[in-house]
């Protein structure tokens, strides 16, 4: 599995218990199991939810699914 696909899968799994839509950056961070410290890792690539949150802007909200969150973060990270 590619790094991109592995991290995408990890983000989606981390948000499996989240209530969507998620309307704010704060609510998104709170939806991750360990908040901003939630980590996704594949190979040499590691990203925390807090770091990923810096890639988002207010126009990205609301998010309607974990897949949408993962795809937006990965696109912004250049993966």
Protein backbone atom coordinates (compact mmCIF):
# COMPACT_ATOMS: atom_id res chain seq x y z
CA UNK A 1 0.00 0.00 0.00
CA UNK A 2 1.32 3.47 -0.85
CA UNK A 3 2.19 6.03 1.83
CA UNK A 4 -0.74 8.18 0.69
CA UNK A 5 -3.23 5.31 0.90
CA UNK A 6 -1.90 4.16 4.28
CA UNK A 7 -2.17 7.62 5.83
CA UNK A 8 -5.61 8.14 4.24
CA UNK A 9 -6.79 4.87 5.81
CA UNK A 10 -5.37 5.91 9.21
CA UNK A 11 -7.13 9.31 9.12
CA UNK A 12 -10.44 7.69 8.18
CA UNK A 13 -10.07 5.09 10.95
CA UNK A 14 -9.15 7.77 13.49
CA UNK A 15 -12.36 9.65 12.64
CA UNK A 16 -14.58 6.57 12.61
CA UNK A 17 -16.42 7.67 15.75
CA UNK A 18 -16.79 11.32 14.73
CA UNK A 19 -20.14 13.01 14.28
CA UNK A 20 -20.41 14.70 10.89
CA UNK A 21 -20.78 17.38 9.68
CA UNK A 22 -17.81 18.96 11.46
CA UNK A 23 -18.06 22.74 11.23
CA UNK A 24 -14.92 24.11 12.91
CA UNK A 25 -11.20 23.36 13.23
CA UNK A 26 -11.63 22.94 16.99
CA UNK A 27 -14.39 20.38 16.51
CA UNK A 28 -12.24 18.50 14.01
CA UNK A 29 -9.30 18.25 16.40
CA UNK A 30 -11.64 17.12 19.18
CA UNK A 31 -12.97 14.36 16.89
CA UNK A 32 -9.55 12.67 16.73
CA UNK A 33 -9.02 10.09 19.51
CA UNK A 34 -5.95 11.86 20.95
CA UNK A 35 -6.86 15.34 19.75
CA UNK A 36 -4.02 17.30 18.14
CA UNK A 37 -1.55 14.59 19.23
CA UNK A 38 -3.20 11.85 17.13
CA UNK A 39 -0.51 10.49 14.78
CA UNK A 40 -0.63 8.91 11.36
CA UNK A 41 2.56 7.29 10.10
CA UNK A 42 3.70 5.41 7.04
CA UNK A 43 7.35 4.79 6.23
CA UNK A 44 9.31 7.95 6.98
CA UNK A 45 6.19 10.16 6.84
CA UNK A 46 4.56 11.08 10.15
CA UNK A 47 1.82 13.64 10.67
CA UNK A 48 -0.11 14.70 13.74
CA UNK A 49 -3.69 15.93 13.61
CA UNK A 50 -2.45 19.28 14.93
CA UNK A 51 0.04 19.65 12.08
CA UNK A 52 -2.54 18.50 9.54
CA UNK A 53 -4.94 21.11 10.89
CA UNK A 54 -2.53 23.86 9.87
CA UNK A 55 -3.06 22.81 6.24
CA UNK A 56 -6.77 23.60 6.41
CA UNK A 57 -8.57 26.92 6.12
CA UNK A 58 -12.03 28.13 7.05
CA UNK A 59 -13.34 27.60 3.51
CA UNK A 60 -12.79 23.83 3.93
CA UNK A 61 -15.53 23.60 6.57
CA UNK A 62 -17.93 21.99 7.13
CA UNK A 63 -16.57 18.53 6.48
CA UNK A 64 -19.24 15.93 5.78
CA UNK A 65 -17.16 12.74 6.02
CA UNK A 66 -13.88 11.29 7.22
CA UNK A 67 -12.98 10.61 3.60
CA UNK A 68 -13.38 14.30 2.76
CA UNK A 69 -11.11 15.25 5.68
CA UNK A 70 -8.46 12.73 4.62
CA UNK A 71 -8.52 13.72 0.96
CA UNK A 72 -8.25 17.44 1.76
CA UNK A 73 -5.35 16.97 4.17
CA UNK A 74 -3.46 14.68 1.79
CA UNK A 75 -3.95 17.04 -1.15
CA UNK A 76 -2.67 20.01 0.87
CA UNK A 77 0.29 17.99 2.15
CA UNK A 78 1.24 17.16 -1.42
CA UNK A 79 0.86 13.42 -1.00
